[in-house]
Amino acid sequence: MLRVHVENIGELAVIECEGRIVRSEAAFKLREAVKSQSHARIIVLDFSEVFAIEGGGLGMLMFVQRWAHDHDIPLKLFNPRQSVRERLDEVSSMREFDIATFDEMMALLAHADGRYARPRKIRQALRSKFYRAG
């Protein structure tokens, strides 16, 4: 089962994913979450809590990468677990996937946060999540 939560900070969309992306239902949930962010300037898939990704999920990840490229939206992965990184490395076309570093993610967040003032509680919650992940 895959749980998805979307946090929009100005033109930055952070899609937090939790669970496994191994069945069609999970892959379609990922696709819909990404496609719903067509207004975003940057989409970040936070894979900190994704424990497994298999064939259908890998195929859908390639699909959303292509969709984002076709819409001129940078798509970045953030903090995939080692098991997920290994699966991505096994798929040659996924080696070119943009995996954001902790510093890059913090810079994106700071830039978006600075341009679009958000309530202090949301900023603190996002920062604490990213600090734990790094």
Protein backbone atom coordinates (compact mmCIF):
# COMPACT_ATOMS: atom_id res chain seq x y z
CA MET A 1 0.00 0.00 0.00
CA LEU A 2 1.24 3.48 -0.86
CA ARG A 3 0.28 6.61 1.02
CA VAL A 4 0.84 9.95 -0.67
CA HIS A 5 0.78 13.43 0.81
CA VAL A 6 1.33 16.56 -1.27
CA GLU A 7 2.71 19.75 0.23
CA ASN A 8 2.79 22.82 -1.99
CA ILE A 9 5.16 25.60 -1.02
CA GLY A 10 4.70 28.29 -3.61
CA GLU A 11 5.72 26.74 -6.92
CA LEU A 12 7.49 23.79 -5.26
CA ALA A 13 5.50 20.58 -4.87
CA VAL A 14 6.80 17.99 -2.42
CA ILE A 15 5.10 14.63 -2.84
CA GLU A 16 5.77 12.51 0.22
CA CYS A 17 5.41 8.80 -0.49
CA GLU A 18 5.20 6.10 2.16
CA GLY A 19 4.99 2.37 1.65
CA ARG A 20 5.65 0.16 -1.35
CA ILE A 21 5.28 0.87 -5.07
CA VAL A 22 4.91 -2.67 -6.32
CA ARG A 23 1.31 -2.98 -7.48
CA SER A 24 -0.65 -1.16 -10.15
CA GLU A 25 -2.80 0.67 -7.59
CA ALA A 26 0.27 2.24 -5.97
CA ALA A 27 1.80 3.13 -9.34
CA PHE A 28 -1.41 4.83 -10.47
CA LYS A 29 -1.60 6.75 -7.17
CA LEU A 30 1.92 8.04 -7.79
CA ARG A 31 1.02 9.03 -11.36
CA GLU A 32 -2.08 10.93 -10.26
CA ALA A 33 -0.19 12.75 -7.51
CA VAL A 34 2.49 13.91 -9.96
CA LYS A 35 0.09 14.84 -12.74
CA SER A 36 -2.00 16.89 -10.30
CA GLN A 37 1.01 19.20 -9.89
CA SER A 38 1.04 20.56 -13.44
CA HIS A 39 1.18 24.10 -12.01
CA ALA A 40 4.40 23.45 -10.08
CA ARG A 41 7.79 24.71 -11.22
CA ILE A 42 9.60 21.86 -9.46
CA ILE A 43 8.29 18.53 -8.22
CA VAL A 44 10.15 16.59 -5.55
CA LEU A 45 9.26 12.97 -4.83
CA ASP A 46 10.22 12.32 -1.22
CA PHE A 47 11.00 8.60 -1.16
CA SER A 48 12.33 8.57 2.42
CA GLU A 49 9.59 6.17 3.46
CA VAL A 50 9.35 4.04 0.30
CA PHE A 51 10.52 0.57 1.27
CA ALA A 52 10.25 -1.20 -2.09
CA ILE A 53 9.72 -0.46 -5.77
CA GLU A 54 9.22 -3.11 -8.42
CA GLY A 55 8.43 -3.39 -12.14
CA GLY A 56 5.14 -1.49 -12.31
CA GLY A 57 6.44 1.18 -9.96
CA LEU A 58 9.67 1.55 -11.91
CA GLY A 59 7.75 1.85 -15.16
CA MET A 60 5.47 4.48 -13.65
CA LEU A 61 8.46 6.39 -12.31
CA MET A 62 9.84 6.49 -15.84
CA PHE A 63 6.43 7.63 -17.08
CA VAL A 64 6.18 10.53 -14.57
CA GLN A 65 9.77 11.50 -15.31
CA ARG A 66 8.87 11.76 -19.00
CA TRP A 67 5.59 13.56 -18.22
CA ALA A 68 7.46 16.16 -16.12
CA HIS A 69 10.09 16.60 -18.85
CA ASP A 70 7.37 17.12 -21.47
CA HIS A 71 5.82 19.80 -19.23
CA ASP A 72 9.19 21.50 -18.53
CA ILE A 73 8.97 20.67 -14.83
CA PRO A 74 12.12 19.42 -13.12
CA LEU A 75 11.37 16.19 -11.22
CA LYS A 76 13.68 15.19 -8.41
CA LEU A 77 13.85 12.23 -6.07
CA PHE A 78 14.77 12.89 -2.49
CA ASN A 79 16.30 10.44 -0.05
CA PRO A 80 15.44 7.06 -1.58
CA ARG A 81 16.40 4.13 0.65
CA GLN A 82 19.30 1.92 -0.36
CA SER A 83 16.98 -0.87 -1.55
CA VAL A 84 15.14 1.59 -3.81
CA ARG A 85 18.43 3.05 -5.12
CA GLU A 86 19.60 -0.46 -5.99
CA ARG A 87 16.43 -1.12 -7.98
CA LEU A 88 16.83 2.22 -9.78
CA ASP A 89 20.45 1.37 -10.62
CA GLU A 90 19.33 -1.94 -12.15
CA VAL A 91 17.21 -0.07 -14.69
CA SER A 92 19.63 1.65 -17.05
CA SER A 93 17.27 4.50 -18.01
CA MET A 94 16.78 5.33 -14.32
CA ARG A 95 20.48 6.02 -13.73
CA GLU A 96 19.91 9.48 -15.13
CA PHE A 97 17.15 10.24 -12.62
CA ASP A 98 17.87 13.43 -10.66
CA ILE A 99 18.33 12.57 -6.99
CA ALA A 100 18.42 15.72 -4.89
CA THR A 101 21.04 15.97 -2.18
CA PHE A 102 20.11 17.10 1.29
CA ASP A 103 21.74 20.49 0.68
CA GLU A 104 19.93 20.91 -2.64
CA MET A 105 16.61 20.02 -1.01
CA MET A 106 17.17 22.52 1.79
CA ALA A 107 18.05 25.22 -0.77
CA LEU A 108 14.87 24.49 -2.76
CA LEU A 109 12.82 24.58 0.41
CA ALA A 110 14.44 27.79 1.64
CA HIS A 111 13.94 29.49 -1.72
CA ALA A 112 10.28 28.47 -1.94
CA ASP A 113 9.71 29.25 1.72
CA GLY A 114 11.31 32.67 1.39
CA ARG A 115 9.27 33.66 -1.64
CA TYR A 116 5.97 32.34 -0.33
CA ALA A 117 5.56 32.95 3.37
CA ARG A 118 3.98 29.94 5.00
CA PRO A 119 2.75 29.57 8.56
CA ARG A 120 5.65 28.96 10.93
CA LYS A 121 4.31 25.53 11.98
CA ILE A 122 4.40 24.19 8.41
CA ARG A 123 7.94 25.51 7.81
CA GLN A 124 9.18 23.92 11.02
CA ALA A 125 7.51 20.60 10.26
CA LEU A 126 9.03 20.46 6.78
CA ARG A 127 12.49 21.41 8.01
CA SER A 128 12.42 18.83 10.79
CA LYS A 129 11.42 16.13 8.30
CA PHE A 130 14.31 16.98 5.97
CA TYR A 131 16.81 17.30 8.80
CA ARG A 132 15.87 13.80 10.03
CA ALA A 133 16.24 12.41 6.49
CA GLY A 134 19.76 13.79 6.00
